[in-house]
Amino acid sequence: MHSRSLQLRFSVCAALLIAGTVLLHALGHGEPVLRRQQLANFPINIGARSSFDVPITDRILKAVGVDDYLNRQYASAGVSPISLYVGYYKSQRTGDTIHSPKNCLPGAGWEPLKSADLKVPLPNGQSMTVNEYLIAKGLERQLVIYWYQSRGRVVASVYQAKFWMVADAVSRNRTDGALVRIIASANVDEAAARKQLIEFAQQIEPRMHDYVPN
């Protein structure tokens, strides 16, 4: 009974996503040109951490279809480095849409161990709900936090992100958005990795609005 209920929910969500995709293609194109900073200009120092860019192959870039991206490692003495990836799409009408890490990471050989929602308090007194994802490859474990940041919203659910994409396409003629993903090693201490990722998310989210327009 439980599996049948899950299958029904999945079928309903899939049908809604297909209907939303058809609607997006039926709507007019020509989204507004938005003022934003290029992700290459994102701060190279976050707190005590300094960073370096990690190249992404042309094959992977073509597969994900991003219009702008950032892939960096932020490190500081005495703490585990944190990898930051931001993939920005100026439009998601024509087939290039945000890819969920739950689909991409297993394709790179990472085995999912567990996933959950995680609430991150923000400096402005509000909070955002993000995805937490523990993955493994051989003896290596990593903790992943990611969220969808689009048109002034931060959401954890890919289905909720798709819903708002369609709604904003109708009401605002916009489908731009980004995936923000941060990763830390969880080989030694999963709780310590979570604490570092939460602190890093608190530092970068307020800065993200210059690069992912509201």
Protein backbone atom coordinates (compact mmCIF):
# COMPACT_ATOMS: atom_id res chain seq x y z
CA MET A 1 0.00 0.00 0.00
CA HIS A 2 2.81 2.40 0.91
CA SER A 3 4.72 1.70 -2.32
CA ARG A 4 1.51 2.18 -4.34
CA SER A 5 0.97 5.57 -2.69
CA LEU A 6 4.55 6.63 -3.47
CA GLN A 7 4.15 5.49 -7.06
CA LEU A 8 0.93 7.51 -7.39
CA ARG A 9 2.60 10.64 -5.96
CA PHE A 10 5.53 10.19 -8.34
CA SER A 11 3.17 9.78 -11.32
CA VAL A 12 1.24 12.92 -10.38
CA CYS A 13 4.45 14.95 -9.98
CA ALA A 14 5.78 13.65 -13.29
CA ALA A 15 2.54 14.55 -15.05
CA LEU A 16 2.62 18.06 -13.58
CA LEU A 17 6.24 18.54 -14.70
CA ILE A 18 5.39 17.41 -18.23
CA ALA A 19 2.38 19.72 -18.34
CA GLY A 20 4.53 22.59 -17.06
CA THR A 21 7.16 21.93 -19.73
CA VAL A 22 4.50 22.00 -22.46
CA LEU A 23 3.14 25.24 -21.05
CA LEU A 24 6.60 26.84 -21.00
CA HIS A 25 7.11 26.07 -24.68
CA ALA A 26 3.66 27.42 -25.50
CA LEU A 27 4.35 30.74 -23.80
CA GLY A 28 6.19 33.56 -25.54
CA HIS A 29 9.97 33.71 -25.43
CA GLY A 30 12.16 36.78 -25.09
CA GLU A 31 12.68 37.05 -21.35
CA PRO A 32 13.90 40.36 -19.92
CA VAL A 33 17.64 41.03 -19.75
CA LEU A 34 18.46 41.16 -16.04
CA ARG A 35 21.22 43.13 -14.36
CA ARG A 36 23.51 40.78 -12.48
CA GLN A 37 27.16 40.22 -11.64
CA GLN A 38 29.04 37.44 -13.43
CA LEU A 39 29.80 34.50 -11.14
CA ALA A 40 33.50 34.85 -11.92
CA ASN A 41 33.35 38.01 -9.76
CA PHE A 42 32.05 36.13 -6.70
CA PRO A 43 34.30 36.86 -3.67
CA ILE A 44 37.44 34.75 -3.64
CA ASN A 45 37.64 35.03 0.16
CA ILE A 46 34.76 33.93 2.38
CA GLY A 47 35.52 34.48 6.04
CA ALA A 48 38.97 33.02 6.68
CA ARG A 49 38.79 30.84 3.59
CA SER A 50 40.57 31.64 0.34
CA SER A 51 39.76 29.89 -2.93
CA PHE A 52 40.85 28.66 -6.31
CA ASP A 53 38.80 27.81 -9.38
CA VAL A 54 38.31 24.18 -10.38
CA PRO A 55 37.88 23.77 -14.16
CA ILE A 56 34.89 21.89 -15.57
CA THR A 57 35.27 20.05 -18.86
CA ASP A 58 33.47 21.29 -21.95
CA ARG A 59 31.61 17.97 -22.15
CA ILE A 60 30.09 18.43 -18.71
CA LEU A 61 29.29 22.09 -19.33
CA LYS A 62 27.48 21.16 -22.51
CA ALA A 63 25.54 18.44 -20.68
CA VAL A 64 24.33 20.74 -17.88
CA GLY A 65 23.65 23.64 -20.27
CA VAL A 66 24.49 26.49 -17.88
CA ASP A 67 24.80 30.10 -19.06
CA ASP A 68 27.17 31.04 -16.23
CA TYR A 69 28.82 28.98 -13.52
CA LEU A 70 31.21 29.00 -10.60
CA ASN A 71 33.17 25.98 -9.41
CA ARG A 72 35.62 26.74 -6.59
CA GLN A 73 37.25 25.23 -3.56
CA TYR A 74 37.44 27.39 -0.43
CA ALA A 75 40.06 26.37 2.12
CA SER A 76 41.62 27.57 5.37
CA ALA A 77 44.17 26.10 7.74
CA GLY A 78 42.77 23.65 10.26
CA VAL A 79 39.42 22.99 8.56
CA SER A 80 38.24 20.81 5.69
CA PRO A 81 37.98 22.56 2.31
CA ILE A 82 34.53 23.34 0.97
CA SER A 83 33.62 23.02 -2.69
CA LEU A 84 31.15 25.58 -4.05
CA TYR A 85 29.29 25.12 -7.33
CA VAL A 86 26.75 27.58 -8.70
CA GLY A 87 25.10 26.95 -12.05
CA TYR A 88 23.03 29.83 -13.44
CA TYR A 89 20.44 29.60 -16.24
CA LYS A 90 19.15 32.81 -17.80
CA SER A 91 16.19 30.86 -19.22
CA GLN A 92 14.81 27.35 -18.78
CA ARG A 93 12.26 27.41 -21.59
CA THR A 94 14.18 25.63 -24.33
CA GLY A 95 15.29 22.36 -22.73
CA ASP A 96 18.25 23.47 -20.57
CA THR A 97 16.97 23.15 -17.01
CA ILE A 98 18.57 22.86 -13.59
CA HIS A 99 19.85 19.34 -12.90
CA SER A 100 19.33 17.86 -9.44
CA PRO A 101 22.54 16.66 -7.71
CA LYS A 102 20.59 13.53 -6.79
CA ASN A 103 20.70 12.64 -10.48
CA CYS A 104 24.20 13.91 -11.30
CA LEU A 105 26.24 12.64 -8.36
CA PRO A 106 25.30 8.94 -8.70
CA GLY A 107 26.26 9.24 -12.38
CA ALA A 108 29.75 10.28 -11.21
CA GLY A 109 30.08 7.13 -9.09
CA TRP A 110 28.81 8.47 -5.75
CA GLU A 111 26.44 6.23 -3.81
CA PRO A 112 23.63 7.99 -1.89
CA LEU A 113 23.50 6.98 1.78
CA LYS A 114 20.82 9.28 3.16
CA SER A 115 19.08 12.56 2.47
CA ALA A 116 17.01 15.02 4.49
CA ASP A 117 15.85 18.62 4.65
CA LEU A 118 18.02 20.99 6.67
CA LYS A 119 17.00 24.39 8.05
CA VAL A 120 19.73 27.05 7.87
CA PRO A 121 19.29 30.23 9.97
CA LEU A 122 20.25 33.38 8.04
CA PRO A 123 21.88 36.61 9.29
CA ASN A 124 18.65 38.58 8.67
CA GLY A 125 16.77 36.48 11.23
CA GLN A 126 15.00 34.35 8.63
CA SER A 127 15.92 30.82 7.62
CA MET A 128 16.07 28.73 4.47
CA THR A 129 15.32 25.06 3.98
CA VAL A 130 17.93 23.21 1.91
CA ASN A 131 18.75 19.63 0.96
CA GLU A 132 21.31 17.61 2.89
CA TYR A 133 22.74 14.60 1.07
CA LEU A 134 25.32 12.12 2.41
CA ILE A 135 27.19 10.27 -0.36
CA ALA A 136 30.01 7.72 -0.54
CA LYS A 137 32.52 6.44 -3.07
CA GLY A 138 34.59 3.56 -1.72
CA LEU A 139 35.82 4.64 1.72
CA GLU A 140 35.29 8.34 1.03
CA ARG A 141 32.24 10.12 2.38
CA GLN A 142 31.03 13.61 1.54
CA LEU A 143 28.23 15.75 2.88
CA VAL A 144 26.38 17.83 0.30
CA ILE A 145 24.07 20.80 0.90
CA TYR A 146 22.23 22.28 -2.04
CA TRP A 147 19.28 24.49 -2.89
CA TYR A 148 17.50 26.11 -5.83
CA GLN A 149 17.73 29.91 -5.87
CA SER A 150 15.42 31.57 -8.35
CA ARG A 151 13.70 34.94 -8.68
CA GLY A 152 13.91 35.85 -5.01
CA ARG A 153 13.15 32.40 -3.61
CA VAL A 154 15.23 29.66 -2.02
CA VAL A 155 13.61 26.21 -2.15
CA ALA A 156 14.83 22.68 -1.46
CA SER A 157 12.29 20.69 -3.49
CA VAL A 158 12.94 20.25 -7.21
CA TYR A 159 9.16 19.96 -7.72
CA GLN A 160 8.56 23.22 -5.89
CA ALA A 161 11.29 24.85 -7.99
CA LYS A 162 9.57 23.63 -11.17
CA PHE A 163 6.18 24.87 -9.95
CA TRP A 164 7.50 28.37 -9.29
CA MET A 165 9.34 28.37 -12.62
CA VAL A 166 6.07 27.82 -14.47
CA ALA A 167 4.18 30.28 -12.26
CA ASP A 168 6.80 33.00 -12.76
CA ALA A 169 6.92 32.31 -16.50
CA VAL A 170 3.22 33.16 -16.62
CA SER A 171 3.19 36.09 -14.19
CA ARG A 172 6.67 37.61 -14.70
CA ASN A 173 7.92 36.20 -18.03
CA ARG A 174 10.96 34.81 -16.20
CA THR A 175 12.41 31.32 -15.83
CA ASP A 176 15.96 32.25 -14.79
CA GLY A 177 17.47 30.55 -11.76
CA ALA A 178 20.40 28.72 -10.24
CA LEU A 179 21.51 25.65 -8.36
CA VAL A 180 23.79 26.32 -5.39
CA ARG A 181 25.72 23.31 -4.07
CA ILE A 182 28.37 23.07 -1.35
CA ILE A 183 30.32 19.94 -0.35
CA ALA A 184 32.62 19.02 2.55
CA SER A 185 34.37 15.81 3.51
CA ALA A 186 32.50 13.72 6.09
CA ASN A 187 35.18 11.04 6.45
CA VAL A 188 36.04 11.95 10.05
CA ASP A 189 33.04 13.74 11.56
CA GLU A 190 29.68 14.16 9.80
CA ALA A 191 28.39 16.61 12.44
CA ALA A 192 31.48 18.82 12.06
CA ALA A 193 31.06 18.80 8.27
CA ARG A 194 27.41 19.83 8.66
CA LYS A 195 28.37 22.69 10.99
CA GLN A 196 30.97 23.98 8.51
CA LEU A 197 28.53 23.79 5.60
CA ILE A 198 25.82 25.63 7.54
CA GLU A 199 28.25 28.41 8.45
CA PHE A 200 29.43 28.66 4.85
CA ALA A 201 25.84 28.75 3.54
CA GLN A 202 25.08 31.56 6.00
CA GLN A 203 28.01 33.52 4.60
CA ILE A 204 27.32 33.08 0.89
CA GLU A 205 23.51 33.25 0.62
CA PRO A 206 23.23 37.02 1.28
CA ARG A 207 25.91 37.63 -1.39
CA MET A 208 24.18 35.41 -3.94
CA HIS A 209 21.50 37.97 -4.81
CA ASP A 210 23.97 40.06 -6.85
CA TYR A 211 24.59 37.04 -9.09
CA VAL A 212 21.15 35.39 -9.10
CA PRO A 213 18.62 38.23 -9.54
CA ASN A 214 15.57 38.56 -7.33
